[in-house]
Protein backbone atom coordinates (compact mmCIF):
# COMPACT_ATOMS: atom_id res chain seq x y z
CA MET A 1 4.45 32.17 27.90
CA ILE A 2 7.25 29.62 28.26
CA PHE A 3 8.68 30.06 31.84
CA GLU A 4 12.13 27.68 31.89
CA VAL A 5 13.55 27.43 35.08
CA CYS A 6 17.29 26.85 35.54
CA PHE A 7 19.20 24.72 38.67
CA LEU A 8 22.52 24.73 39.55
CA GLU A 9 23.73 24.32 42.91
CA SER A 10 26.94 25.28 44.67
CA SER A 11 28.64 22.01 45.49
CA PRO A 12 28.11 18.91 42.67
CA GLY A 13 29.67 16.03 41.73
CA ILE A 14 30.22 14.65 45.62
CA ASP A 15 28.73 11.59 48.02
CA ILE A 16 25.68 13.34 48.94
CA THR A 17 26.21 12.12 52.83
CA PHE A 18 28.83 15.08 52.68
CA LEU A 19 27.01 17.63 50.63
CA VAL A 20 26.12 20.89 52.64
CA LEU A 21 22.62 22.12 53.45
CA HIS A 22 22.67 25.71 52.08
CA GLY A 23 19.13 26.94 52.11
CA HIS A 24 19.70 30.87 52.54
CA LEU A 25 23.36 30.69 53.07
CA ASP A 26 24.66 33.12 50.45
CA VAL A 27 27.45 30.57 48.90
CA GLU A 28 29.55 31.00 45.98
CA LEU A 29 29.41 28.29 42.79
CA ASN A 30 32.26 26.02 42.90
CA ASP A 31 34.43 25.70 39.65
CA VAL A 32 32.02 22.96 38.60
CA GLY A 33 28.89 24.62 38.83
CA ARG A 34 30.80 27.43 36.64
CA GLN A 35 31.17 25.37 34.23
CA GLN A 36 27.22 24.42 34.41
CA ALA A 37 26.24 27.48 34.18
CA ILE A 38 27.94 28.20 30.91
CA ALA A 39 26.37 25.06 29.61
CA VAL A 40 23.17 26.55 30.98
CA ALA A 41 23.68 29.75 29.50
CA ASP A 42 24.78 27.94 25.80
CA ARG A 43 21.95 25.72 25.89
CA LEU A 44 19.46 28.96 26.22
CA ALA A 45 21.10 30.41 23.72
CA GLU A 46 20.40 28.15 21.14
CA LYS A 47 16.08 28.56 21.42
CA ARG A 48 14.57 32.18 21.01
CA GLU A 49 15.53 35.14 22.84
CA ILE A 50 14.92 35.34 26.32
CA SER A 51 12.28 38.28 27.23
CA ALA A 52 13.85 38.60 31.19
CA VAL A 53 15.26 36.94 33.76
CA PHE A 54 13.98 36.06 37.12
CA ILE A 55 17.31 35.47 39.92
CA SER A 56 16.95 34.35 43.47
CA ASP A 57 18.56 37.07 45.15
CA LEU A 58 21.19 34.24 46.27
CA LYS A 59 25.07 34.93 45.19
CA ARG A 60 25.22 31.09 43.55
CA ALA A 61 21.87 31.72 41.55
CA ARG A 62 23.46 35.25 40.54
CA ASP A 63 26.60 34.11 39.52
CA THR A 64 24.87 31.43 37.61
CA ALA A 65 22.72 33.96 35.42
CA HIS A 66 25.54 36.69 35.21
CA VAL A 67 26.95 34.63 32.08
CA ILE A 68 23.54 35.49 30.05
CA GLU A 69 22.85 38.77 32.00
CA SER A 70 24.51 40.67 28.87
CA ARG A 71 21.78 39.26 26.83
CA CYS A 72 18.68 40.76 28.40
CA ASN A 73 17.04 42.28 31.23
CA ARG A 74 17.86 40.63 34.64
CA ILE A 75 15.27 40.74 37.71
CA GLU A 76 16.72 39.30 41.59
CA ASP A 77 13.47 38.06 43.28
CA PRO A 78 13.73 37.24 46.62
CA GLU A 79 10.87 34.95 46.73
CA ILE A 80 12.27 32.57 44.48
CA ARG A 81 15.33 31.85 47.24
CA GLU A 82 16.01 28.45 48.90
CA ARG A 83 14.07 26.87 51.38
CA HIS A 84 15.49 28.28 54.47
CA LEU A 85 16.37 25.08 56.42
CA GLY A 86 16.42 26.32 59.74
CA ASP A 87 18.94 24.76 62.39
CA LEU A 88 20.36 22.06 58.95
CA GLN A 89 22.02 25.31 57.24
CA GLY A 90 25.42 24.68 57.17
CA PHE A 91 25.61 21.46 57.64
CA SER A 92 26.16 18.11 56.22
CA MET A 93 23.59 15.66 55.35
CA ARG A 94 25.38 13.28 57.78
CA GLU A 95 26.61 16.13 60.09
CA ALA A 96 22.55 17.25 60.24
CA ALA A 97 21.61 13.53 61.23
CA LYS A 98 24.03 13.61 64.07
CA LEU A 99 24.17 17.03 65.36
CA LYS A 100 20.60 18.23 64.29
CA VAL A 101 18.56 15.24 65.05
CA ASP A 102 15.08 17.55 65.72
CA ALA A 103 15.54 19.37 62.44
CA ASN A 104 16.60 16.79 60.55
CA LYS A 105 13.58 14.82 61.34
CA ALA A 106 11.33 17.34 60.58
CA SER A 107 12.63 18.21 57.11
CA LEU A 108 12.45 14.89 56.08
CA SER A 109 9.25 14.42 57.49
CA SER A 110 6.28 13.54 54.55
CA ARG A 111 4.15 16.17 55.78
CA ALA A 112 4.05 19.01 53.87
CA ASP A 113 3.46 21.82 56.53
CA GLN A 114 6.28 20.38 58.62
CA GLU A 115 8.23 23.37 59.33
CA ILE A 116 12.40 22.91 60.17
CA PRO A 117 13.52 24.30 63.59
CA GLY A 118 15.33 27.10 64.18
CA GLY A 119 12.97 29.31 61.27
CA GLY A 120 13.20 27.03 58.43
CA GLU A 121 10.20 26.49 56.15
CA SER A 122 7.49 23.77 55.32
CA PHE A 123 7.18 22.71 52.18
CA ASP A 124 4.09 24.48 51.80
CA GLN A 125 5.23 27.69 52.90
CA LEU A 126 7.84 27.54 50.01
CA PHE A 127 5.57 26.72 47.83
CA HIS A 128 3.20 29.68 48.65
CA ARG A 129 6.15 32.03 47.98
CA CYS A 130 7.45 31.19 45.37
CA THR A 131 4.44 29.94 43.23
CA SER A 132 2.30 33.27 43.90
CA SER A 133 5.79 34.70 42.68
CA LEU A 134 5.16 32.24 39.30
CA GLN A 135 1.66 33.89 39.09
CA LYS A 136 3.17 37.33 39.22
CA ILE A 137 5.49 36.87 36.61
CA GLY A 138 3.33 35.27 34.23
CA ARG A 139 0.45 38.05 34.30
CA LYS A 140 3.53 40.72 33.88
CA HIS A 141 4.82 38.77 31.37
CA LYS A 142 2.11 37.25 29.06
CA GLY A 143 3.60 36.27 25.40
CA GLN A 144 7.51 36.29 26.83
CA ARG A 145 9.76 33.93 27.06
CA LEU A 146 11.76 33.84 30.13
CA ALA A 147 14.28 32.01 32.13
CA GLU A 148 14.54 31.75 35.81
CA PHE A 149 17.96 31.18 37.86
CA THR A 150 17.09 29.39 41.09
CA HIS A 151 17.55 26.30 43.51
CA GLY A 152 16.65 22.48 43.79
CA GLY A 153 13.70 23.24 46.30
CA VAL A 154 12.05 26.23 44.17
CA SER A 155 12.04 24.18 41.30
CA LYS A 156 10.54 20.85 43.17
CA ALA A 157 7.76 23.48 44.18
CA PHE A 158 7.15 24.71 40.44
CA HIS A 159 6.54 20.61 39.21
CA LYS A 160 4.46 19.89 42.45
CA ARG A 161 2.37 22.98 40.58
CA ALA A 162 2.52 21.59 37.25
CA ALA A 163 1.32 17.75 38.45
CA PRO A 164 -0.22 18.03 42.08
CA THR A 165 -0.58 14.79 41.85
CA ALA A 166 2.30 13.27 40.70
CA GLU A 167 4.98 12.58 42.96
CA LEU A 168 7.60 14.43 43.20
CA PRO A 169 11.36 14.00 41.87
CA SER A 170 13.41 12.76 45.05
CA LYS A 171 16.06 15.44 43.64
CA ILE A 172 16.29 18.20 41.28
CA GLN A 173 19.73 17.37 39.21
CA ASN A 174 22.20 19.99 39.18
CA ALA A 175 22.12 21.69 35.77
CA SER A 176 18.86 21.10 34.79
CA ILE A 177 16.54 23.27 33.01
CA SER A 178 12.52 22.54 33.32
CA ILE A 179 10.78 24.07 30.89
CA PHE A 180 6.82 24.84 31.72
CA GLU A 181 4.31 26.96 30.15
CA ILE A 182 2.23 29.28 31.46
CA ALA A 183 -1.34 28.49 29.91
CA ASP A 184 -3.25 31.40 31.96
CA GLU A 185 -2.79 32.64 35.29
CA GLU A 186 -4.19 28.94 37.13
CA GLY A 187 -2.47 27.27 34.74
CA LEU A 188 1.61 25.68 34.58
CA HIS A 189 2.07 22.57 32.55
CA LEU A 190 5.55 21.13 32.37
CA GLU A 191 6.89 20.77 29.01
CA GLU A 192 10.15 19.06 29.37
CA THR A 193 13.14 18.61 31.69
CA GLU A 194 16.27 18.30 30.61
CA ILE A 195 19.64 17.35 32.40
CA LEU A 196 22.77 19.41 31.11
CA ALA A 197 26.15 17.40 31.37
CA SER A 198 28.39 18.06 34.04
């Protein structure tokens, strides 16, 4: 089964220190994000038909997937929503470093089991949540081509699942499509990652 993970975030194209950490906050795509969603839909349309689209239940992912929903079955899945960032949600990276010191330190920890204060998830918790969802999807949709509209943290978890010993990308690029092949229930292989022009 070929599984395409599409990642678009709602605040692209600005200095990263001013980037707001959304996590589970339900925000809309901006104009650039909407243009990128169209580019992703056009790119997906170039390949063979998609059987189903799995979408995070957060608005920015639903808005992104809206541009191709008329072409295939659309399934919302709360298990593929972004990592909960606890006390960091709603703050820019610069603000978080000054105002939410403990939460910021926890989010930058190299420990995968480090939870973020304020109800935030560890990377391990995110990894388990979204890769468990991927296994269920794989069992149910054998032999089909699927797309998933999700977030950077979830995409990082899929990259980690596909290559457990490889170093994770520091940031999953906005308007990117990662193509994974699920060989069996346990196997996930990264075929390619394409970053579309923004």
